[in-house]
Amino acid sequence: MNSALHTYQKKLEQTCSAYSNKTAITYLRDNGNVEEYSYQDMFGYITMASKTYEDMGLKKGDRVAVILPPAPWAYFSIMGLAYFGATSVILDGGLQKDELHRLIIDADVSMIITSAPIYREKLIDSDVSVLDAFNSWKQLNDKEIKHVIDPD
C-alpha cells in the first residue's frame, strides 16, 4: 500500500474516532433546513463510498470524475475516493454538455460520480460507468469501469 495513502487513511480514522460525536459538517439546504453530520456519520459515508468503489471494480490510482452540486454527498464522494486511493477529477456540473464530455475524455476517467438529474441532462450517453452519489452510489448505467491508472 502506498505510504501516503496509508497515512491519509490512518489520520482520517484517528480524527473521526477522536471527534466521533462532534459535528463535522453543517449544511444549509436551499429550503432553509439545516443538516448536521458528525465525524462518525461522515466516516461511515466515506467508508460506504469507498467499499462501493471497490465492489464496482475500481482500482487504486484510477481517475474518477466528480460532477456534483456543493452538498455533503460531494464531500463524502471525494473523501471516499481519496480513502480508497483513486484520484478525483472535480468538474462543474454547470458546464455545457459538450464541455463536460470534452473534459471527461481529456481526463481519461474510469468512472463518473454525479446526481441522477445531471446524468439525465448531460451524461446519459457517457461511455463510462456512472454512479449516483445521492442514492448510495448506485450505478445509473450499464457501462463497465475502464481502468486508466495514474503512474506512481
Protein backbone atom coordinates (compact mmCIF):
# COMPACT_ATOMS: atom_id res chain seq x y z
CA MET A 1 0.00 0.00 0.00
CA ASN A 2 1.25 3.46 -0.85
CA SER A 3 2.57 5.08 2.35
CA ALA A 4 0.84 8.44 1.65
CA LEU A 5 -2.50 6.64 1.20
CA HIS A 6 -1.92 4.59 4.35
CA THR A 7 -1.07 7.77 6.30
CA TYR A 8 -4.19 9.53 4.97
CA GLN A 9 -6.43 6.59 5.90
CA LYS A 10 -4.98 6.31 9.41
CA LYS A 11 -5.18 10.08 10.02
CA LEU A 12 -8.82 10.16 8.88
CA GLU A 13 -9.67 7.17 11.08
CA GLN A 14 -7.94 8.74 14.10
CA THR A 15 -9.62 12.12 13.60
CA CYS A 16 -13.09 10.64 13.12
CA SER A 17 -12.60 8.42 16.17
CA ALA A 18 -11.33 11.26 18.39
CA TYR A 19 -14.22 13.57 17.45
CA SER A 20 -16.85 10.93 16.67
CA ASN A 21 -19.83 12.75 18.22
CA LYS A 22 -18.77 16.28 17.26
CA THR A 23 -20.22 18.00 14.20
CA ALA A 24 -18.01 17.62 11.12
CA ILE A 25 -20.34 19.18 8.53
CA THR A 26 -23.22 21.62 8.84
CA TYR A 27 -25.14 22.01 5.59
CA LEU A 28 -27.80 24.65 4.92
CA ARG A 29 -30.22 23.46 2.23
CA ASP A 30 -31.84 25.87 -0.22
CA ASN A 31 -35.15 25.45 1.66
CA GLY A 32 -33.54 26.66 4.90
CA ASN A 33 -33.29 23.24 6.55
CA VAL A 34 -30.04 22.52 8.33
CA GLU A 35 -28.37 19.10 8.20
CA GLU A 36 -25.56 18.15 10.55
CA TYR A 37 -23.20 15.23 10.16
CA SER A 38 -20.94 14.04 12.97
CA TYR A 39 -17.43 12.76 12.32
CA GLN A 40 -18.82 9.27 12.93
CA ASP A 41 -21.56 9.84 10.30
CA MET A 42 -19.03 11.29 7.88
CA PHE A 43 -16.62 8.38 8.31
CA GLY A 44 -19.50 5.93 7.78
CA TYR A 45 -20.43 7.55 4.46
CA ILE A 46 -16.78 7.79 3.38
CA THR A 47 -16.17 4.10 4.04
CA MET A 48 -19.51 3.18 2.41
CA ALA A 49 -18.48 5.07 -0.72
CA SER A 50 -15.00 3.51 -0.67
CA LYS A 51 -16.45 0.00 -0.33
CA THR A 52 -18.87 0.66 -3.20
CA TYR A 53 -15.99 1.77 -5.43
CA GLU A 54 -14.09 -1.40 -4.55
CA ASP A 55 -17.14 -3.61 -5.15
CA MET A 56 -17.66 -1.95 -8.55
CA GLY A 57 -14.12 -2.92 -9.54
CA LEU A 58 -12.41 0.46 -9.31
CA LYS A 59 -8.64 0.15 -8.90
CA LYS A 60 -6.34 2.28 -6.77
CA GLY A 61 -4.98 5.10 -8.93
CA ASP A 62 -7.98 5.18 -11.29
CA ARG A 63 -9.23 8.67 -12.15
CA VAL A 64 -12.89 9.42 -11.37
CA ALA A 65 -14.86 12.48 -12.48
CA VAL A 66 -16.96 14.00 -9.70
CA ILE A 67 -19.73 16.22 -11.05
CA LEU A 68 -21.92 17.21 -8.11
CA PRO A 69 -23.52 20.31 -6.64
CA PRO A 70 -21.98 21.56 -3.38
CA ALA A 71 -23.52 19.23 -0.81
CA PRO A 72 -22.31 16.74 1.81
CA TRP A 73 -22.57 13.87 -0.71
CA ALA A 74 -19.99 15.58 -2.92
CA TYR A 75 -17.63 15.76 0.04
CA PHE A 76 -18.31 12.13 1.04
CA SER A 77 -17.72 11.02 -2.57
CA ILE A 78 -14.42 12.87 -2.90
CA MET A 79 -13.19 11.79 0.54
CA GLY A 80 -14.27 8.22 -0.26
CA LEU A 81 -12.19 8.29 -3.44
CA ALA A 82 -9.17 9.57 -1.52
CA TYR A 83 -9.71 6.95 1.20
CA PHE A 84 -9.93 4.26 -1.48
CA GLY A 85 -6.85 5.51 -3.33
CA ALA A 86 -8.41 6.87 -6.53
CA THR A 87 -7.91 10.33 -8.00
CA SER A 88 -10.82 12.80 -8.06
CA VAL A 89 -11.28 14.91 -11.17
CA ILE A 90 -13.72 17.55 -9.93
CA LEU A 91 -15.84 19.10 -12.69
CA ASP A 92 -18.51 21.81 -12.60
CA GLY A 93 -21.99 20.44 -13.32
CA GLY A 94 -22.93 23.89 -14.62
CA LEU A 95 -20.79 23.38 -17.70
CA GLN A 96 -22.48 22.71 -21.02
CA LYS A 97 -22.92 19.06 -22.04
CA ASP A 98 -20.27 19.23 -24.79
CA GLU A 99 -17.79 20.92 -22.42
CA LEU A 100 -18.27 18.20 -19.80
CA HIS A 101 -17.83 15.45 -22.38
CA ARG A 102 -14.61 17.03 -23.69
CA LEU A 103 -13.18 17.31 -20.16
CA ILE A 104 -14.21 13.74 -19.31
CA ILE A 105 -12.47 12.48 -22.45
CA ASP A 106 -9.37 14.63 -21.85
CA ALA A 107 -9.13 13.45 -18.23
CA ASP A 108 -9.49 9.82 -19.37
CA VAL A 109 -11.60 8.89 -16.33
CA SER A 110 -12.56 5.38 -15.32
CA MET A 111 -15.89 6.34 -13.79
CA ILE A 112 -18.18 9.33 -13.10
CA ILE A 113 -19.91 10.18 -9.82
CA THR A 114 -22.82 12.58 -10.18
CA SER A 115 -26.53 13.03 -9.41
CA ALA A 116 -29.41 11.50 -11.37
CA PRO A 117 -30.57 14.91 -12.72
CA ILE A 118 -27.09 15.80 -14.06
CA TYR A 119 -26.81 12.29 -15.53
CA ARG A 120 -30.16 12.57 -17.33
CA GLU A 121 -29.44 16.09 -18.60
CA LYS A 122 -25.78 15.84 -19.58
CA LEU A 123 -24.26 12.37 -19.21
CA ILE A 124 -26.83 9.83 -20.38
CA ASP A 125 -24.73 8.95 -23.44
CA SER A 126 -21.48 8.63 -21.46
CA ASP A 127 -19.16 5.76 -22.35
CA VAL A 128 -18.05 5.15 -18.75
CA SER A 129 -19.77 3.84 -15.64
CA VAL A 130 -21.84 6.50 -13.80
CA LEU A 131 -22.78 6.37 -10.09
CA ASP A 132 -25.45 8.43 -8.27
CA ALA A 133 -23.91 9.91 -5.11
CA PHE A 134 -27.34 10.88 -3.76
CA ASN A 135 -28.59 7.28 -3.92
CA SER A 136 -25.85 5.34 -2.08
CA TRP A 137 -23.59 5.43 -5.16
CA LYS A 138 -25.84 3.17 -7.23
CA GLN A 139 -24.92 2.68 -10.85
CA LEU A 140 -27.01 4.72 -13.32
CA ASN A 141 -25.93 2.93 -16.48
CA ASP A 142 -24.66 -0.48 -17.55
CA LYS A 143 -21.16 0.57 -18.60
CA GLU A 144 -18.08 -1.24 -17.37
CA ILE A 145 -15.33 0.57 -15.49
CA LYS A 146 -12.37 1.22 -17.74
CA HIS A 147 -9.10 1.31 -15.83
CA VAL A 148 -6.84 4.24 -16.56
CA ILE A 149 -4.40 4.30 -13.71
CA ASP A 150 -2.16 7.27 -12.92
CA PRO A 151 1.50 6.30 -12.81
CA ASP A 152 3.05 6.22 -9.33
